Amino acid sequence: MLNNSIRRLIVLENEKLVGVITRTNLVEFLRSKLLINATVDSINSE
């Protein structure tokens, strides 16, 4: 998205708009995923 200056992606289902994903949505999701994985790894290493 960053490389192509895309700020939003539309989500279609059966050719109907069902949502929009923004860069901010994606960053928030990835950040939470990384934090969860780091926590699980930390617990598993104890």
PDB file of N, CA and C in Angstrom:
ATOM      1  N   MET A   1       0.831  -1.188   0.000  1.00  0.00           N
ATOM      2  CA  MET A   1       0.000   0.000   0.000  1.00  0.00           C
ATOM      3  C   MET A   1       0.874   1.250   0.000  1.00  0.00           C
ATOM      4  N   LEU A   2       1.928   1.222   0.814  1.00  0.00           N
ATOM      5  CA  LEU A   2       2.796   2.397   0.882  1.00  0.00           C
ATOM      6  C   LEU A   2       3.541   2.625  -0.426  1.00  0.00           C
ATOM      7  N   ASN A   3       4.039   1.539  -1.010  1.00  0.00           N
ATOM      8  CA  ASN A   3       4.807   1.668  -2.250  1.00  0.00           C
ATOM      9  C   ASN A   3       3.997   2.257  -3.389  1.00  0.00           C
ATOM     10  N   ASN A   4       2.695   2.044  -3.363  1.00  0.00           N
ATOM     11  CA  ASN A   4       1.831   2.514  -4.455  1.00  0.00           C
ATOM     12  C   ASN A   4       0.906   3.656  -4.041  1.00  0.00           C
ATOM     13  N   SER A   5       1.163   4.249  -2.886  1.00  0.00           N
ATOM     14  CA  SER A   5       0.363   5.373  -2.366  1.00  0.00           C
ATOM     15  C   SER A   5      -1.127   5.046  -2.284  1.00  0.00           C
ATOM     16  N   ILE A   6      -1.414   3.821  -1.876  1.00  0.00           N
ATOM     17  CA  ILE A   6      -2.808   3.400  -1.704  1.00  0.00           C
ATOM     18  C   ILE A   6      -3.173   3.626  -0.243  1.00  0.00           C
ATOM     19  N   ARG A   7      -4.219   4.384  -0.004  1.00  0.00           N
ATOM     20  CA  ARG A   7      -4.628   4.700   1.362  1.00  0.00           C
ATOM     21  C   ARG A   7      -5.774   3.833   1.836  1.00  0.00           C
ATOM     22  N   ARG A   8      -6.588   3.361   0.899  1.00  0.00           N
ATOM     23  CA  ARG A   8      -7.765   2.566   1.262  1.00  0.00           C
ATOM     24  C   ARG A   8      -7.958   1.436   0.265  1.00  0.00           C
ATOM     25  N   LEU A   9      -8.439   0.301   0.765  1.00  0.00           N
ATOM     26  CA  LEU A   9      -8.812  -0.822  -0.089  1.00  0.00           C
ATOM     27  C   LEU A   9     -10.281  -1.119   0.156  1.00  0.00           C
ATOM     28  N   ILE A  10     -11.019  -1.283  -0.907  1.00  0.00           N
ATOM     29  CA  ILE A  10     -12.427  -1.630  -0.733  1.00  0.00           C
ATOM     30  C   ILE A  10     -12.547  -3.150  -0.624  1.00  0.00           C
ATOM     31  N   VAL A  11     -13.520  -3.589   0.133  1.00  0.00           N
ATOM     32  CA  VAL A  11     -13.790  -5.014   0.314  1.00  0.00           C
ATOM     33  C   VAL A  11     -15.143  -5.300  -0.326  1.00  0.00           C
ATOM     34  N   LEU A  12     -15.134  -6.220  -1.282  1.00  0.00           N
ATOM     35  CA  LEU A  12     -16.350  -6.568  -2.000  1.00  0.00           C
ATOM     36  C   LEU A  12     -16.760  -8.004  -1.686  1.00  0.00           C
ATOM     37  N   GLU A  13     -18.059  -8.215  -1.642  1.00  0.00           N
ATOM     38  CA  GLU A  13     -18.614  -9.558  -1.522  1.00  0.00           C
ATOM     39  C   GLU A  13     -19.762  -9.635  -2.510  1.00  0.00           C
ATOM     40  N   ASN A  14     -19.656 -10.567  -3.442  1.00  0.00           N
ATOM     41  CA  ASN A  14     -20.661 -10.684  -4.508  1.00  0.00           C
ATOM     42  C   ASN A  14     -20.861  -9.351  -5.223  1.00  0.00           C
ATOM     43  N   GLU A  15     -19.747  -8.673  -5.479  1.00  0.00           N
ATOM     44  CA  GLU A  15     -19.736  -7.398  -6.196  1.00  0.00           C
ATOM     45  C   GLU A  15     -20.439  -6.261  -5.454  1.00  0.00           C
ATOM     46  N   LYS A  16     -20.649  -6.424  -4.132  1.00  0.00           N
ATOM     47  CA  LYS A  16     -21.237  -5.361  -3.308  1.00  0.00           C
ATOM     48  C   LYS A  16     -20.214  -4.916  -2.275  1.00  0.00           C
ATOM     49  N   LEU A  17     -20.183  -3.614  -2.045  1.00  0.00           N
ATOM     50  CA  LEU A  17     -19.270  -3.060  -1.054  1.00  0.00           C
ATOM     51  C   LEU A  17     -19.686  -3.510   0.347  1.00  0.00           C
ATOM     52  N   VAL A  18     -18.734  -4.142   1.054  1.00  0.00           N
ATOM     53  CA  VAL A  18     -19.025  -4.580   2.415  1.00  0.00           C
ATOM     54  C   VAL A  18     -18.086  -3.949   3.433  1.00  0.00           C
ATOM     55  N   GLY A  19     -17.060  -3.231   2.948  1.00  0.00           N
ATOM     56  CA  GLY A  19     -16.158  -2.582   3.889  1.00  0.00           C
ATOM     57  C   GLY A  19     -15.015  -1.870   3.204  1.00  0.00           C
ATOM     58  N   VAL A  20     -14.243  -1.190   4.035  1.00  0.00           N
ATOM     59  CA  VAL A  20     -13.062  -0.464   3.579  1.00  0.00           C
ATOM     60  C   VAL A  20     -11.955  -0.715   4.591  1.00  0.00           C
ATOM     61  N   ILE A  21     -10.766  -1.050   4.094  1.00  0.00           N
ATOM     62  CA  ILE A  21      -9.596  -1.221   4.956  1.00  0.00           C
ATOM     63  C   ILE A  21      -8.669  -0.049   4.691  1.00  0.00           C
ATOM     64  N   THR A  22      -8.270   0.630   5.759  1.00  0.00           N
ATOM     65  CA  THR A  22      -7.343   1.751   5.619  1.00  0.00           C
ATOM     66  C   THR A  22      -5.960   1.328   6.085  1.00  0.00           C
ATOM     67  N   ARG A  23      -4.971   2.121   5.742  1.00  0.00           N
ATOM     68  CA  ARG A  23      -3.612   1.843   6.226  1.00  0.00           C
ATOM     69  C   ARG A  23      -3.588   1.840   7.743  1.00  0.00           C
ATOM     70  N   THR A  24      -4.345   2.739   8.350  1.00  0.00           N
ATOM     71  CA  THR A  24      -4.396   2.803   9.812  1.00  0.00           C
ATOM     72  C   THR A  24      -4.969   1.518  10.388  1.00  0.00           C
ATOM     73  N   ASN A  25      -6.046   0.992   9.789  1.00  0.00           N
ATOM     74  CA  ASN A  25      -6.612  -0.285  10.229  1.00  0.00           C
ATOM     75  C   ASN A  25      -5.563  -1.386  10.169  1.00  0.00           C
ATOM     76  N   LEU A  26      -4.851  -1.435   9.068  1.00  0.00           N
ATOM     77  CA  LEU A  26      -3.858  -2.472   8.863  1.00  0.00           C
ATOM     78  C   LEU A  26      -2.710  -2.361   9.865  1.00  0.00           C
ATOM     79  N   VAL A  27      -2.240  -1.163  10.100  1.00  0.00           N
ATOM     80  CA  VAL A  27      -1.156  -0.948  11.064  1.00  0.00           C
ATOM     81  C   VAL A  27      -1.597  -1.339  12.466  1.00  0.00           C
ATOM     82  N   GLU A  28      -2.799  -0.967  12.861  1.00  0.00           N
ATOM     83  CA  GLU A  28      -3.307  -1.330  14.184  1.00  0.00           C
ATOM     84  C   GLU A  28      -3.418  -2.841  14.336  1.00  0.00           C
ATOM     85  N   PHE A  29      -3.917  -3.515  13.300  1.00  0.00           N
ATOM     86  CA  PHE A  29      -4.041  -4.967  13.343  1.00  0.00           C
ATOM     87  C   PHE A  29      -2.672  -5.631  13.473  1.00  0.00           C
ATOM     88  N   LEU A  30      -1.723  -5.208  12.633  1.00  0.00           N
ATOM     89  CA  LEU A  30      -0.397  -5.816  12.663  1.00  0.00           C
ATOM     90  C   LEU A  30       0.317  -5.555  13.976  1.00  0.00           C
ATOM     91  N   ARG A  31       0.147  -4.356  14.529  1.00  0.00           N
ATOM     92  CA  ARG A  31       0.764  -4.024  15.814  1.00  0.00           C
ATOM     93  C   ARG A  31       0.223  -4.929  16.915  1.00  0.00           C
ATOM     94  N   SER A  32      -1.085  -5.109  16.960  1.00  0.00           N
ATOM     95  CA  SER A  32      -1.667  -5.959  17.998  1.00  0.00           C
ATOM     96  C   SER A  32      -1.243  -7.408  17.802  1.00  0.00           C
ATOM     97  N   LYS A  33      -1.156  -7.858  16.551  1.00  0.00           N
ATOM     98  CA  LYS A  33      -0.708  -9.218  16.260  1.00  0.00           C
ATOM     99  C   LYS A  33       0.725  -9.430  16.733  1.00  0.00           C
ATOM    100  N   LEU A  34       1.596  -8.454  16.486  1.00  0.00           N
ATOM    101  CA  LEU A  34       2.985  -8.557  16.934  1.00  0.00           C
ATOM    102  C   LEU A  34       3.080  -8.575  18.452  1.00  0.00           C
ATOM    103  N   LEU A  35       2.286  -7.741  19.117  1.00  0.00           N
ATOM    104  CA  LEU A  35       2.304  -7.712  20.581  1.00  0.00           C
ATOM    105  C   LEU A  35       1.812  -9.037  21.163  1.00  0.00           C
ATOM    106  N   ILE A  36       0.773  -9.591  20.572  1.00  0.00           N
ATOM    107  CA  ILE A  36       0.246 -10.877  21.042  1.00  0.00           C
ATOM    108  C   ILE A  36       1.296 -11.969  20.848  1.00  0.00           C
ATOM    109  N   ASN A  37       1.911 -12.010  19.679  1.00  0.00           N
ATOM    110  CA  ASN A  37       2.930 -13.032  19.410  1.00  0.00           C
ATOM    111  C   ASN A  37       4.118 -12.898  20.346  1.00  0.00           C
ATOM    112  N   ALA A  38       4.540 -11.675  20.625  1.00  0.00           N
ATOM    113  CA  ALA A  38       5.665 -11.460  21.531  1.00  0.00           C
ATOM    114  C   ALA A  38       5.319 -11.923  22.942  1.00  0.00           C
ATOM    115  N   THR A  39       4.080 -11.670  23.371  1.00  0.00           N
ATOM    116  CA  THR A  39       3.639 -12.101  24.697  1.00  0.00           C
ATOM    117  C   THR A  39       3.605 -13.618  24.776  1.00  0.00           C
ATOM    118  N   VAL A  40       3.068 -14.264  23.771  1.00  0.00           N
ATOM    119  CA  VAL A  40       2.999 -15.735  23.756  1.00  0.00           C
ATOM    120  C   VAL A  40       4.417 -16.324  23.755  1.00  0.00           C
ATOM    121  N   ASP A  41       5.298 -15.766  22.960  1.00  0.00           N
ATOM    122  CA  ASP A  41       6.678 -16.234  22.925  1.00  0.00           C
ATOM    123  C   ASP A  41       7.353 -16.082  24.270  1.00  0.00           C
ATOM    124  N   SER A  42       7.078 -14.975  24.932  1.00  0.00           N
ATOM    125  CA  SER A  42       7.655 -14.725  26.243  1.00  0.00           C
ATOM    126  C   SER A  42       7.157 -15.749  27.263  1.00  0.00           C
ATOM    127  N   ILE A  43       5.874 -16.044  27.212  1.00  0.00           N
ATOM    128  CA  ILE A  43       5.296 -17.028  28.127  1.00  0.00           C
ATOM    129  C   ILE A  43       5.856 -18.419  27.855  1.00  0.00           C
ATOM    130  N   ASN A  44       5.985 -18.757  26.589  1.00  0.00           N
ATOM    131  CA  ASN A  44       6.494 -20.080  26.217  1.00  0.00           C
ATOM    132  C   ASN A  44       7.966 -20.268  26.577  1.00  0.00           C
ATOM    133  N   SER A  45       8.721 -19.198  26.625  1.00  0.00           N
ATOM    134  CA  SER A  45      10.155 -19.317  26.910  1.00  0.00           C
ATOM    135  C   SER A  45      10.443 -19.398  28.412  1.00  0.00           C
ATOM    136  N   GLU A  46       9.450 -19.197  29.220  1.00  0.00           N
ATOM    137  CA  GLU A  46       9.657 -19.246  30.690  1.00  0.00           C
ATOM    138  C   GLU A  46       9.711 -20.646  31.208  1.00  0.00           C
TER     139      GLU A  46
END
